[in-house]
Amino acid sequence: MKSDREGSGPMKFYLYKDQANYWRWRLVTTNGKIIAESSESYWNKQDALDGISLVKVAYNAPVYE
């Protein structure tokens, strides 16, 4: 089954409500694969958006071995 996310450009964050009606987010690649998602749920939408912002900043983080 082809997702509407496939082939639609760069990676995207999706904000959604889970079954418990809490906010969560996912980072989805161009081929529809989920490569990151919130490890916790958020009562407030803004808190979920703040979590997305933290992940965006991490893209520039160095890698150490």
N, C-alpha and C. Protein backbone atom coordinates (compact mmCIF):
# COMPACT_ATOMS: atom_id res chain seq x y z
N MET A 1 0.85 -1.18 0.00
CA MET A 1 0.00 0.00 0.00
C MET A 1 0.89 1.24 0.00
N LYS A 2 0.68 2.12 -0.91
CA LYS A 2 1.47 3.34 -1.02
C LYS A 2 0.90 4.43 -0.12
N SER A 3 1.79 5.03 0.63
CA SER A 3 1.40 6.11 1.52
C SER A 3 1.35 7.43 0.75
N ASP A 4 0.52 8.36 1.20
CA ASP A 4 0.49 9.67 0.57
C ASP A 4 1.76 10.45 0.84
N ARG A 5 2.60 9.94 1.74
CA ARG A 5 3.85 10.60 2.09
C ARG A 5 4.97 10.23 1.12
N GLU A 6 4.85 9.12 0.40
CA GLU A 6 5.93 8.64 -0.44
C GLU A 6 6.19 9.58 -1.62
N GLY A 7 7.47 9.84 -1.84
CA GLY A 7 7.86 10.64 -2.99
C GLY A 7 7.37 12.07 -2.98
N SER A 8 7.08 12.59 -1.81
CA SER A 8 6.49 13.92 -1.75
C SER A 8 7.48 14.99 -1.30
N GLY A 9 8.79 14.75 -1.46
CA GLY A 9 9.77 15.76 -1.10
C GLY A 9 10.59 15.37 0.10
N PRO A 10 11.11 16.37 0.82
CA PRO A 10 12.00 16.09 1.95
C PRO A 10 11.26 15.45 3.13
N MET A 11 12.06 15.06 4.12
CA MET A 11 11.44 14.48 5.32
C MET A 11 10.47 15.46 5.94
N LYS A 12 9.47 14.90 6.63
CA LYS A 12 8.43 15.75 7.22
C LYS A 12 8.11 15.28 8.63
N PHE A 13 7.76 16.23 9.47
CA PHE A 13 7.24 15.93 10.79
C PHE A 13 5.72 15.89 10.70
N TYR A 14 5.13 14.90 11.35
CA TYR A 14 3.67 14.81 11.42
C TYR A 14 3.28 14.89 12.88
N LEU A 15 2.35 15.77 13.17
CA LEU A 15 1.81 15.96 14.51
C LEU A 15 0.43 15.33 14.54
N TYR A 16 0.16 14.51 15.56
CA TYR A 16 -1.13 13.82 15.61
C TYR A 16 -1.53 13.54 17.05
N LYS A 17 -2.78 13.16 17.25
CA LYS A 17 -3.27 12.76 18.56
C LYS A 17 -3.35 11.23 18.60
N ASP A 18 -2.88 10.66 19.72
CA ASP A 18 -2.92 9.21 19.87
C ASP A 18 -4.28 8.76 20.39
N GLN A 19 -4.40 7.46 20.67
CA GLN A 19 -5.68 6.91 21.10
C GLN A 19 -6.15 7.48 22.44
N ALA A 20 -5.20 7.93 23.26
CA ALA A 20 -5.53 8.52 24.55
C ALA A 20 -5.80 10.02 24.44
N ASN A 21 -5.81 10.53 23.20
CA ASN A 21 -6.07 11.94 22.91
C ASN A 21 -4.94 12.87 23.35
N TYR A 22 -3.71 12.34 23.38
CA TYR A 22 -2.53 13.14 23.66
C TYR A 22 -1.79 13.41 22.35
N TRP A 23 -1.00 14.47 22.35
CA TRP A 23 -0.24 14.85 21.15
C TRP A 23 1.03 14.03 21.04
N ARG A 24 1.39 13.65 19.82
CA ARG A 24 2.63 12.96 19.51
C ARG A 24 3.13 13.46 18.16
N TRP A 25 4.38 13.13 17.81
CA TRP A 25 4.92 13.50 16.51
C TRP A 25 5.71 12.35 15.94
N ARG A 26 5.88 12.37 14.61
CA ARG A 26 6.69 11.41 13.87
C ARG A 26 7.51 12.16 12.83
N LEU A 27 8.72 11.66 12.57
CA LEU A 27 9.53 12.16 11.47
C LEU A 27 9.53 11.07 10.41
N VAL A 28 9.06 11.42 9.22
CA VAL A 28 8.85 10.45 8.15
C VAL A 28 9.74 10.82 6.95
N THR A 29 10.41 9.80 6.38
CA THR A 29 11.28 10.02 5.22
C THR A 29 10.45 10.12 3.95
N THR A 30 11.14 10.42 2.86
CA THR A 30 10.45 10.57 1.58
C THR A 30 9.83 9.27 1.10
N ASN A 31 10.33 8.11 1.57
CA ASN A 31 9.74 6.84 1.16
C ASN A 31 8.69 6.34 2.14
N GLY A 32 8.30 7.18 3.09
CA GLY A 32 7.22 6.84 4.01
C GLY A 32 7.65 6.11 5.27
N LYS A 33 8.94 5.92 5.46
CA LYS A 33 9.44 5.23 6.65
C LYS A 33 9.53 6.18 7.82
N ILE A 34 9.08 5.72 8.98
CA ILE A 34 9.19 6.51 10.21
C ILE A 34 10.59 6.29 10.76
N ILE A 35 11.35 7.37 10.90
CA ILE A 35 12.71 7.23 11.43
C ILE A 35 12.85 7.79 12.84
N ALA A 36 11.86 8.52 13.31
CA ALA A 36 11.87 9.02 14.69
C ALA A 36 10.43 9.32 15.08
N GLU A 37 10.16 9.13 16.36
CA GLU A 37 8.86 9.52 16.90
C GLU A 37 9.00 9.90 18.35
N SER A 38 8.03 10.64 18.83
CA SER A 38 8.10 11.11 20.21
C SER A 38 8.09 9.91 21.16
N SER A 39 8.95 9.96 22.16
CA SER A 39 9.02 8.87 23.13
C SER A 39 8.00 9.05 24.24
N GLU A 40 7.37 10.18 24.23
CA GLU A 40 6.32 10.44 25.22
C GLU A 40 5.17 11.17 24.54
N SER A 41 4.05 11.18 25.21
CA SER A 41 2.90 11.92 24.69
C SER A 41 2.83 13.26 25.43
N TYR A 42 2.15 14.19 24.81
CA TYR A 42 2.07 15.55 25.35
C TYR A 42 0.61 15.96 25.52
N TRP A 43 0.31 16.55 26.64
CA TRP A 43 -1.03 17.04 26.89
C TRP A 43 -1.30 18.28 26.03
N ASN A 44 -0.30 19.16 25.94
CA ASN A 44 -0.44 20.40 25.18
C ASN A 44 0.21 20.27 23.80
N LYS A 45 -0.44 20.78 22.79
CA LYS A 45 0.09 20.76 21.43
C LYS A 45 1.42 21.50 21.36
N GLN A 46 1.54 22.62 22.04
CA GLN A 46 2.77 23.41 22.01
C GLN A 46 3.95 22.61 22.55
N ASP A 47 3.72 21.80 23.57
CA ASP A 47 4.79 20.97 24.11
C ASP A 47 5.29 19.97 23.06
N ALA A 48 4.39 19.41 22.27
CA ALA A 48 4.78 18.50 21.19
C ALA A 48 5.58 19.26 20.13
N LEU A 49 5.15 20.46 19.80
CA LEU A 49 5.89 21.28 18.84
C LEU A 49 7.28 21.63 19.37
N ASP A 50 7.39 21.86 20.67
CA ASP A 50 8.70 22.12 21.28
C ASP A 50 9.59 20.89 21.17
N GLY A 51 9.01 19.70 21.31
CA GLY A 51 9.77 18.46 21.14
C GLY A 51 10.29 18.32 19.73
N ILE A 52 9.50 18.69 18.75
CA ILE A 52 9.94 18.68 17.35
C ILE A 52 11.10 19.64 17.18
N SER A 53 11.03 20.80 17.78
CA SER A 53 12.11 21.79 17.68
C SER A 53 13.42 21.24 18.22
N LEU A 54 13.36 20.47 19.29
CA LEU A 54 14.58 19.88 19.86
C LEU A 54 15.21 18.90 18.88
N VAL A 55 14.40 18.14 18.17
CA VAL A 55 14.93 17.18 17.20
C VAL A 55 15.53 17.92 16.01
N LYS A 56 14.89 18.99 15.59
CA LYS A 56 15.42 19.77 14.47
C LYS A 56 16.80 20.32 14.80
N VAL A 57 17.01 20.78 16.02
CA VAL A 57 18.29 21.31 16.44
C VAL A 57 19.34 20.18 16.45
N ALA A 58 18.93 18.97 16.79
CA ALA A 58 19.86 17.85 16.88
C ALA A 58 20.46 17.47 15.53
N TYR A 59 19.84 17.86 14.43
CA TYR A 59 20.41 17.56 13.11
C TYR A 59 21.81 18.14 12.97
N ASN A 60 22.10 19.21 13.65
CA ASN A 60 23.41 19.86 13.57
C ASN A 60 24.36 19.37 14.66
N ALA A 61 23.92 18.41 15.46
CA ALA A 61 24.77 17.92 16.55
C ALA A 61 25.92 17.07 15.99
N PRO A 62 27.09 17.19 16.60
CA PRO A 62 28.23 16.38 16.14
C PRO A 62 28.05 14.91 16.50
N VAL A 63 28.77 14.06 15.80
CA VAL A 63 28.75 12.61 16.08
C VAL A 63 30.09 12.25 16.67
N TYR A 64 30.07 11.54 17.78
CA TYR A 64 31.29 11.11 18.46
C TYR A 64 31.36 9.60 18.46
N GLU A 65 32.58 9.10 18.39
CA GLU A 65 32.78 7.65 18.44
C GLU A 65 33.45 7.29 19.73
